Amino acid sequence: MKFFKAFLSIVITIALVWALQTKFGDIPPLATFLNPTSGFWQNAESKDADLDNELKLPGLLNKVTIRFDNRRIPHIFANNDHDLSYAQGYITARDRLWQMDIQTRKAAGRLSEVIGEKTFETDRYNRRMGMVYGAENTLRGIMKDSVMREVIEAYTAGVNAYISQLDAKDYPIEFKLLGYKPELWQPINCALLLKLMSQNLAGGSNQFAMTNNLKKFGTADINDLFPDRPVYDDPIIPAGTKWDFKPVAIPKPSKSFVAQMTENIKPQDRREGIGSNNWAISGSKSASGYPILANDPHLDLTYPSIWYQVQLVSPNVNVYGVALPGAPGVVIGFNQKISWGVTNVDAAVLDWYQIKFKDKSKNEYWYNNQWNKVTRRIEEIKIKGKATIYDTVLYTHHGPVVYESAALKTTNSPKNVPVGNALRWVAHDESDEFKTFYLLNRASNYADYREALRYFSAPAQNFIFADANNDIAITANGKLPLKYKEQGKYIMDGSDTANDWQGFIPYEHNPTVKNPPRGFVSSANQFPTDKTYPYYINWQFEDYNRGKRI
């Protein structure tokens, strides 16, 4: 009996040790997680974590001081802009490292590397949407600008300075739960955050559903059900505003086209029920005699917040506001001269095209009355605990063919040629949005505000402005495609050159108003303009009610 008890004790001990060292589903090995020297116990916050301190790290050119207020918001004081960006990267990584990592993994289609096969379809969709392709193009645009290259590289160095000093016991708890370690930050990660914002705010479309509806019900019914403008409206730019420019002529296709119906395709829909508000009143309406500006961005509720509050101070800038964790500078905020904010324009900057391939090889597609070569991009999707999957994505001049053989066709019909749906998206273009915020952070007046907005591409935003000179303004700003009316309401014929974007609305023609007689400017995602504006921006905007209440 004594032998049996001893044997049973040994078996239970071995089983317990095995169980504590084994991962069950999403539950990490409990022995590792509970280890007092390296497990979650080490993630308890130190009482000294937010004491004012001076950074002395490799890569800094001079002393940097970081002070924390009673809300634990960091106020960074540097002697030069390089050290300011470096310190922002460092302190943001200290507070939000896992959030930075998981957001960029989502944008890059790399969640499955750390989560497993349950996120494979999300990763595959983001790869086929061209998220990495777009980030590569944006990074190229950033790096062409010597000033912004220095900002991005300094910010990256700061993030990596923090990561490099971590031991395994210091990893944020989420890394321990998922059983992986943080990678060194790369400049492209900053660009990936921009793509994630474009996906959230300008990555949805109802064109597949609208095309199916048009095919089923016809033009007359669709126009009644889905009109291009609402009966009642209160546009962002006051109705009756005169447009003091000569609009660019935009040709319209001479032939009509209705794409084949599709099924079992679930692209990201245009998001309903979210929105943002902003407003600014002139000094004539305030007790102080100076403008007041307010901004209320309605983005996803996340924990931690999508925003990171910070003050950045150097001899060249003194700005306070909110930043995106993983990106340099302040996105919404104020300095000693100006303040600014943003709401989403909801411009039509994403279009789908039906592509006809020559044959099953899909090496060529029909465009401009001739066969054109496709290019191929191999996407390597690593999956935790599984074999790597390689996905070949076809690219046309429009962009990636996200869906192949997407349309409904009659089996064995002579017309049963392979088709696909290609994506044209402004987020794929070369850009330098960080330049806008770099300049806004340092702006002094209305002219500086207008100059800063030149560099912003996507997602298009209603940039609201107020300054100490008693100027207020708002601009629906971004790269807005030159499109004929209703272009992009339905899937378009990808073979017709007339369906290509004809460039972009000139920056000077973007809807804007400065110091309107009514003494205020505001936006709530409604129509930017009345029907006299000569360009087509979109047919879907939020109802005017929220804007009217403001």
Foldseek 3Di string as FASTA:
>chain_A
DVVVVVVVVVVVVVVVVVQQCDADQLFHRNCQQVPCVFHPVLVPDDPCPQDWDWDDFPPAPDIKIWHADPVRAIEIEDADLLNLLLQVLQVLCVVQVVVLVVLLCLLCLAPQQQNFDVCNVSSLLNVLVCSLLLLVQQVVLQVVDVVSVSSLVSSLNSNQRNLVPDDSSHAPNVCVSSVHGDDRDDSSSQSSVQSSQQCQQPVAACQLVLLQCCVPPNDVVCCVVFPLADPDAQAQQGAPDDFPDDFDDADADPDDDRDFHFPPDDGHHRDPDAWWKKKKFFLVPDPVSFIDIDIGHGDDDDVVDQWRWYFGHYPQFTWTATDGSPHDFHDFTDGQWKGKDKIFQNFNQKFKAKWFAPAPVSQWTAAPNDTDGWDWDWDWHDHVPDDIDIDIWTADPQGTQSFKQGHDDDPPDPPSTIMTMGMHGQSSHHAHLVQLRVQRRRDRDDVSNLVSLVRAAPDFIFMWMTTPVRKTKTWRGHFAFQDDPCLRNHHHHRRYPSSDGPGGTPSSLTDMDMCDPVRMGMDIFTHNYPPVRPGGGGSDTDHNVVVVVD
